[in-house]
Amino acid sequence: MSTSSATLAIVTYLNHNNCKVWRNNNVGIWDANKKIYRKNPQQLKGVCDIIGIMYDGTFIGIEIKTGKDKLSPEQELFIQEIEKHNGLIFVVKSYDDFIKQWQSFKTKTVY
């Protein structure tokens, strides 16, 4: 499963399970004059691939790392900030990995 299909599957799953999440677009801005993508100067580095909120207002972020991909220093700092503020964060390799982590989280959480 590709990163984009895993992203879609996770977003769909969470939006049907008491969350409101969306794909965080990390693509640059198209510069028509130069015919290239350039970095968005207003974009925060390190933000997760999927972000949103749970039904109780808790921030949720999911970073998808497939293959040999590793977290960047900016992503590690973003994760630390979310954890520091009691947000929920997952770093997953696939949709199946996400489901496994989500189920583990749900069994530990009392609502």
Protein backbone atom coordinates (compact mmCIF):
# COMPACT_ATOMS: atom_id res chain seq x y z
CA MET A 1 0.00 0.00 0.00
CA SER A 2 1.44 3.37 -0.99
CA THR A 3 1.73 6.32 1.37
CA SER A 4 -1.13 8.14 -0.38
CA SER A 5 -3.47 5.15 -0.20
CA ALA A 6 -2.53 4.57 3.47
CA THR A 7 -3.24 8.25 4.14
CA LEU A 8 -6.66 8.03 2.50
CA ALA A 9 -7.52 4.82 4.38
CA ILE A 10 -6.50 6.28 7.75
CA VAL A 11 -8.36 9.56 7.15
CA THR A 12 -11.49 7.65 6.12
CA TYR A 13 -11.27 5.32 9.12
CA LEU A 14 -10.82 8.11 11.68
CA ASN A 15 -13.54 10.30 10.17
CA HIS A 16 -15.93 7.36 10.65
CA ASN A 17 -14.75 6.79 14.24
CA ASN A 18 -15.46 9.98 16.21
CA CYS A 19 -12.61 12.08 14.82
CA LYS A 20 -12.32 14.93 12.34
CA VAL A 21 -9.01 14.61 10.51
CA TRP A 22 -7.56 15.68 7.19
CA ARG A 23 -4.43 15.28 5.12
CA ASN A 24 -1.98 18.06 5.82
CA ASN A 25 -0.76 19.25 2.45
CA ASN A 26 3.03 19.52 2.55
CA VAL A 27 3.47 20.29 -1.14
CA GLY A 28 5.09 23.57 -2.12
CA ILE A 29 3.47 26.43 -3.99
CA TRP A 30 3.49 26.27 -7.80
CA ASP A 31 5.47 29.13 -9.30
CA ALA A 32 4.04 29.52 -12.81
CA ASN A 33 6.81 31.89 -13.91
CA LYS A 34 9.62 29.49 -13.02
CA LYS A 35 7.51 26.34 -13.57
CA ILE A 36 8.64 24.82 -10.26
CA TYR A 37 7.29 24.15 -6.80
CA ARG A 38 8.79 26.32 -4.12
CA LYS A 39 8.54 26.08 -0.35
CA ASN A 40 5.61 27.83 1.27
CA PRO A 41 7.26 30.34 3.64
CA GLN A 42 4.25 30.21 5.97
CA GLN A 43 4.27 26.44 6.30
CA LEU A 44 5.33 24.97 9.63
CA LYS A 45 8.07 22.37 9.16
CA GLY A 46 7.57 18.94 10.69
CA VAL A 47 3.76 18.87 10.81
CA CYS A 48 2.29 15.37 10.49
CA ASP A 49 0.82 13.92 7.30
CA ILE A 50 -2.62 13.69 8.94
CA ILE A 51 -3.87 16.12 11.60
CA GLY A 52 -7.16 16.75 13.33
CA ILE A 53 -9.15 16.41 16.54
CA MET A 54 -10.85 13.61 18.41
CA TYR A 55 -14.46 13.97 19.57
CA ASP A 56 -13.27 15.19 22.99
CA GLY A 57 -11.12 17.96 21.46
CA THR A 58 -7.77 16.17 21.74
CA PHE A 59 -5.35 16.95 18.93
CA ILE A 60 -4.41 13.91 16.87
CA GLY A 61 -1.52 13.60 14.44
CA ILE A 62 -0.38 10.69 12.31
CA GLU A 63 2.97 10.58 10.54
CA ILE A 64 3.34 7.88 7.89
CA LYS A 65 6.84 6.58 7.22
CA THR A 66 7.10 3.86 4.58
CA GLY A 67 10.15 1.93 3.46
CA LYS A 68 13.37 3.39 4.82
CA ASP A 69 11.89 6.82 5.54
CA LYS A 70 12.87 8.29 8.91
CA LEU A 71 11.61 11.20 10.95
CA SER A 72 13.30 14.52 10.24
CA PRO A 73 14.57 16.59 13.17
CA GLU A 74 11.64 18.99 12.59
CA GLN A 75 9.17 16.09 12.77
CA GLU A 76 10.73 14.84 15.98
CA LEU A 77 10.38 18.32 17.51
CA PHE A 78 6.75 18.55 16.35
CA ILE A 79 5.99 15.17 17.95
CA GLN A 80 7.60 16.30 21.22
CA GLU A 81 5.47 19.46 21.22
CA ILE A 82 2.27 17.48 20.66
CA GLU A 83 3.13 15.06 23.46
CA LYS A 84 4.05 17.96 25.77
CA HIS A 85 0.57 19.42 25.22
CA ASN A 86 -1.22 16.08 25.77
CA GLY A 87 -1.99 15.52 22.10
CA LEU A 88 -2.17 12.08 20.56
CA ILE A 89 0.49 11.16 18.01
CA PHE A 90 1.14 8.05 15.94
CA VAL A 91 4.12 7.24 13.74
CA VAL A 92 3.05 4.38 11.47
CA LYS A 93 4.44 2.35 8.58
CA SER A 94 1.11 1.39 6.99
CA TYR A 95 -2.65 1.35 7.43
CA ASP A 96 -2.39 -2.02 9.18
CA ASP A 97 0.25 -0.65 11.53
CA PHE A 98 -2.03 2.31 12.30
CA ILE A 99 -4.99 0.01 13.08
CA LYS A 100 -2.79 -2.05 15.41
CA GLN A 101 -1.61 1.08 17.27
CA TRP A 102 -5.12 2.58 17.31
CA GLN A 103 -6.64 -0.58 18.80
CA SER A 104 -3.90 -0.66 21.44
CA PHE A 105 -4.62 2.98 22.31
CA LYS A 106 -8.39 2.35 22.45
CA THR A 107 -8.01 -0.60 24.84
CA LYS A 108 -5.91 1.56 27.21
CA THR A 109 -8.33 4.51 27.12
CA VAL A 110 -11.45 4.74 29.25
CA TYR A 111 -14.21 6.94 27.85
